[in-house]
Amino acid sequence: MIELLASKYTYALLFVLLGIGIYMMIANENLVKKLIGVNLFQTAIFLFFISTAYVEGGAAPIVPAEGDVASPLPQVIVLTAIVVGIALTAVGLALIIRIYSEYGTLREDTLREVRADE
């Protein structure tokens, strides 16, 4: 078991980040902490794509090479997902700022009470 974790440490890190991200999204009442959890979850997914695309002894796909060649598709997908993740974070932070200026709190349970009273 120790040898497996030592050789596949990125997968162990992946599951740790996934767990922390999901826990932060579910257990926290603060909207900023929920957004941080979403970002951790996204980072874990990026790590998953990159670690599954790794080819031992693989060559760059730029010039024709003999032997194993690494696929550039996962890197392209991750770069696109990073841009989308930054945009998601920016929109989420803008919404959080607007919610705080309107209601004066970032706690989800307090926001539900205030919205129920309206």
C-alpha atoms as a PDB file:
ATOM      1  CA  MET A   1       0.000   0.000   0.000  1.00  0.00           C
ATOM      2  CA  ILE A   2       2.832   2.388   0.865  1.00  0.00           C
ATOM      3  CA  GLU A   3       4.543   1.673  -2.478  1.00  0.00           C
ATOM      4  CA  LEU A   4       1.325   2.404  -4.339  1.00  0.00           C
ATOM      5  CA  LEU A   5       0.883   5.748  -2.577  1.00  0.00           C
ATOM      6  CA  ALA A   6       4.534   6.619  -3.133  1.00  0.00           C
ATOM      7  CA  SER A   7       4.276   5.948  -6.851  1.00  0.00           C
ATOM      8  CA  LYS A   8       0.869   7.564  -7.310  1.00  0.00           C
ATOM      9  CA  TYR A   9       1.145  10.461  -4.852  1.00  0.00           C
ATOM     10  CA  THR A  10      -0.680  12.824  -7.220  1.00  0.00           C
ATOM     11  CA  TYR A  11      -3.805  10.698  -6.918  1.00  0.00           C
ATOM     12  CA  ALA A  12      -3.591  10.810  -3.124  1.00  0.00           C
ATOM     13  CA  LEU A  13      -3.241  14.594  -3.297  1.00  0.00           C
ATOM     14  CA  LEU A  14      -6.137  14.682  -5.735  1.00  0.00           C
ATOM     15  CA  PHE A  15      -8.480  12.902  -3.341  1.00  0.00           C
ATOM     16  CA  VAL A  16      -7.364  15.055  -0.415  1.00  0.00           C
ATOM     17  CA  LEU A  17      -8.094  18.238  -2.384  1.00  0.00           C
ATOM     18  CA  LEU A  18     -11.427  16.849  -3.589  1.00  0.00           C
ATOM     19  CA  GLY A  19     -12.434  15.978  -0.034  1.00  0.00           C
ATOM     20  CA  ILE A  20     -11.411  19.336   1.396  1.00  0.00           C
ATOM     21  CA  GLY A  21     -13.167  21.199  -1.432  1.00  0.00           C
ATOM     22  CA  ILE A  22     -16.430  19.279  -1.039  1.00  0.00           C
ATOM     23  CA  TYR A  23     -16.285  19.642   2.744  1.00  0.00           C
ATOM     24  CA  MET A  24     -15.787  23.405   2.453  1.00  0.00           C
ATOM     25  CA  MET A  25     -18.712  23.736   0.054  1.00  0.00           C
ATOM     26  CA  ILE A  26     -21.078  21.715   2.254  1.00  0.00           C
ATOM     27  CA  ALA A  27     -20.049  22.480   5.830  1.00  0.00           C
ATOM     28  CA  ASN A  28     -19.295  26.213   5.745  1.00  0.00           C
ATOM     29  CA  GLU A  29     -21.968  28.847   6.056  1.00  0.00           C
ATOM     30  CA  ASN A  30     -19.724  31.667   4.800  1.00  0.00           C
ATOM     31  CA  LEU A  31     -20.071  32.333   1.075  1.00  0.00           C
ATOM     32  CA  VAL A  32     -16.393  33.258   0.633  1.00  0.00           C
ATOM     33  CA  LYS A  33     -15.327  29.943   2.158  1.00  0.00           C
ATOM     34  CA  LYS A  34     -17.730  28.136  -0.161  1.00  0.00           C
ATOM     35  CA  LEU A  35     -16.101  29.863  -3.131  1.00  0.00           C
ATOM     36  CA  ILE A  36     -12.659  28.840  -1.866  1.00  0.00           C
ATOM     37  CA  GLY A  37     -13.980  25.263  -1.672  1.00  0.00           C
ATOM     38  CA  VAL A  38     -15.109  25.464  -5.304  1.00  0.00           C
ATOM     39  CA  ASN A  39     -11.620  26.639  -6.286  1.00  0.00           C
ATOM     40  CA  LEU A  40      -9.990  23.759  -4.384  1.00  0.00           C
ATOM     41  CA  PHE A  41     -12.325  21.316  -6.106  1.00  0.00           C
ATOM     42  CA  GLN A  42     -11.410  22.803  -9.492  1.00  0.00           C
ATOM     43  CA  THR A  43      -7.719  22.504  -8.672  1.00  0.00           C
ATOM     44  CA  ALA A  44      -8.198  18.835  -7.858  1.00  0.00           C
ATOM     45  CA  ILE A  45      -9.875  18.266 -11.212  1.00  0.00           C
ATOM     46  CA  PHE A  46      -6.985  20.042 -12.973  1.00  0.00           C
ATOM     47  CA  LEU A  47      -4.530  17.805 -11.139  1.00  0.00           C
ATOM     48  CA  PHE A  48      -6.535  14.762 -12.217  1.00  0.00           C
ATOM     49  CA  PHE A  49      -6.398  15.713 -15.900  1.00  0.00           C
ATOM     50  CA  ILE A  50      -2.683  16.472 -15.822  1.00  0.00           C
ATOM     51  CA  SER A  51      -1.734  13.353 -13.860  1.00  0.00           C
ATOM     52  CA  THR A  52      -3.731  11.035 -16.122  1.00  0.00           C
ATOM     53  CA  ALA A  53      -2.118  12.590 -19.216  1.00  0.00           C
ATOM     54  CA  TYR A  54       1.425  11.886 -18.032  1.00  0.00           C
ATOM     55  CA  VAL A  55       3.299   9.449 -20.270  1.00  0.00           C
ATOM     56  CA  GLU A  56       6.467   7.883 -18.874  1.00  0.00           C
ATOM     57  CA  GLY A  57       9.260   8.680 -21.330  1.00  0.00           C
ATOM     58  CA  GLY A  58       6.852  10.481 -23.643  1.00  0.00           C
ATOM     59  CA  ALA A  59       8.132  12.969 -26.196  1.00  0.00           C
ATOM     60  CA  ALA A  60       6.681  16.364 -27.042  1.00  0.00           C
ATOM     61  CA  PRO A  61       4.101  16.164 -29.844  1.00  0.00           C
ATOM     62  CA  ILE A  62       5.553  19.208 -31.613  1.00  0.00           C
ATOM     63  CA  VAL A  63       7.920  17.341 -33.934  1.00  0.00           C
ATOM     64  CA  PRO A  64       7.470  13.794 -35.163  1.00  0.00           C
ATOM     65  CA  ALA A  65       9.117  11.541 -32.598  1.00  0.00           C
ATOM     66  CA  GLU A  66       9.591   7.853 -32.258  1.00  0.00           C
ATOM     67  CA  GLY A  67       8.110   6.015 -29.319  1.00  0.00           C
ATOM     68  CA  ASP A  68       5.449   7.293 -26.956  1.00  0.00           C
ATOM     69  CA  VAL A  69       4.139  10.794 -27.506  1.00  0.00           C
ATOM     70  CA  ALA A  70       2.276  12.792 -24.864  1.00  0.00           C
ATOM     71  CA  SER A  71      -1.117  14.068 -25.904  1.00  0.00           C
ATOM     72  CA  PRO A  72      -1.485  17.871 -25.743  1.00  0.00           C
ATOM     73  CA  LEU A  73      -5.275  17.682 -25.368  1.00  0.00           C
ATOM     74  CA  PRO A  74      -5.392  17.424 -21.537  1.00  0.00           C
ATOM     75  CA  GLN A  75      -3.125  20.459 -21.197  1.00  0.00           C
ATOM     76  CA  VAL A  76      -5.352  22.441 -23.547  1.00  0.00           C
ATOM     77  CA  ILE A  77      -8.446  21.413 -21.593  1.00  0.00           C
ATOM     78  CA  VAL A  78      -6.825  22.417 -18.304  1.00  0.00           C
ATOM     79  CA  LEU A  79      -5.720  25.800 -19.665  1.00  0.00           C
ATOM     80  CA  THR A  80      -9.253  26.469 -20.865  1.00  0.00           C
ATOM     81  CA  ALA A  81     -10.668  25.323 -17.519  1.00  0.00           C
ATOM     82  CA  ILE A  82      -8.285  27.644 -15.660  1.00  0.00           C
ATOM     83  CA  VAL A  83      -9.591  30.611 -17.648  1.00  0.00           C
ATOM     84  CA  VAL A  84     -13.179  29.558 -16.983  1.00  0.00           C
ATOM     85  CA  GLY A  85     -12.333  29.040 -13.286  1.00  0.00           C
ATOM     86  CA  ILE A  86     -10.888  32.553 -13.016  1.00  0.00           C
ATOM     87  CA  ALA A  87     -14.005  33.987 -14.619  1.00  0.00           C
ATOM     88  CA  LEU A  88     -16.206  31.942 -12.274  1.00  0.00           C
ATOM     89  CA  THR A  89     -14.254  33.173  -9.267  1.00  0.00           C
ATOM     90  CA  ALA A  90     -14.488  36.794 -10.420  1.00  0.00           C
ATOM     91  CA  VAL A  91     -18.252  36.569 -10.945  1.00  0.00           C
ATOM     92  CA  GLY A  92     -18.672  34.763  -7.614  1.00  0.00           C
ATOM     93  CA  LEU A  93     -16.684  37.426  -5.758  1.00  0.00           C
ATOM     94  CA  ALA A  94     -18.688  40.178  -7.473  1.00  0.00           C
ATOM     95  CA  LEU A  95     -21.928  38.500  -6.375  1.00  0.00           C
ATOM     96  CA  ILE A  96     -20.587  38.080  -2.833  1.00  0.00           C
ATOM     97  CA  ILE A  97     -19.687  41.781  -2.669  1.00  0.00           C
ATOM     98  CA  ARG A  98     -23.162  42.704  -3.919  1.00  0.00           C
ATOM     99  CA  ILE A  99     -24.840  40.372  -1.402  1.00  0.00           C
ATOM    100  CA  TYR A 100     -22.781  41.818   1.440  1.00  0.00           C
ATOM    101  CA  SER A 101     -23.586  45.407   0.447  1.00  0.00           C
ATOM    102  CA  GLU A 102     -27.303  44.562   0.233  1.00  0.00           C
ATOM    103  CA  TYR A 103     -27.748  42.372   3.322  1.00  0.00           C
ATOM    104  CA  GLY A 104     -24.676  43.075   5.473  1.00  0.00           C
ATOM    105  CA  THR A 105     -23.820  39.411   6.005  1.00  0.00           C
ATOM    106  CA  LEU A 106     -22.206  36.518   4.199  1.00  0.00           C
ATOM    107  CA  ARG A 107     -23.660  33.708   6.314  1.00  0.00           C
ATOM    108  CA  GLU A 108     -26.019  31.493   4.361  1.00  0.00           C
ATOM    109  CA  ASP A 109     -28.397  30.785   7.238  1.00  0.00           C
ATOM    110  CA  THR A 110     -28.766  34.504   8.011  1.00  0.00           C
ATOM    111  CA  LEU A 111     -29.405  35.259   4.358  1.00  0.00           C
ATOM    112  CA  ARG A 112     -32.164  32.624   4.265  1.00  0.00           C
ATOM    113  CA  GLU A 113     -33.823  34.192   7.322  1.00  0.00           C
ATOM    114  CA  VAL A 114     -33.643  37.673   5.831  1.00  0.00           C
ATOM    115  CA  ARG A 115     -35.027  36.472   2.484  1.00  0.00           C
ATOM    116  CA  ALA A 116     -37.851  34.622   4.260  1.00  0.00           C
ATOM    117  CA  ASP A 117     -38.884  37.809   6.069  1.00  0.00           C
ATOM    118  CA  GLU A 118     -39.146  39.802   2.838  1.00  0.00           C
END
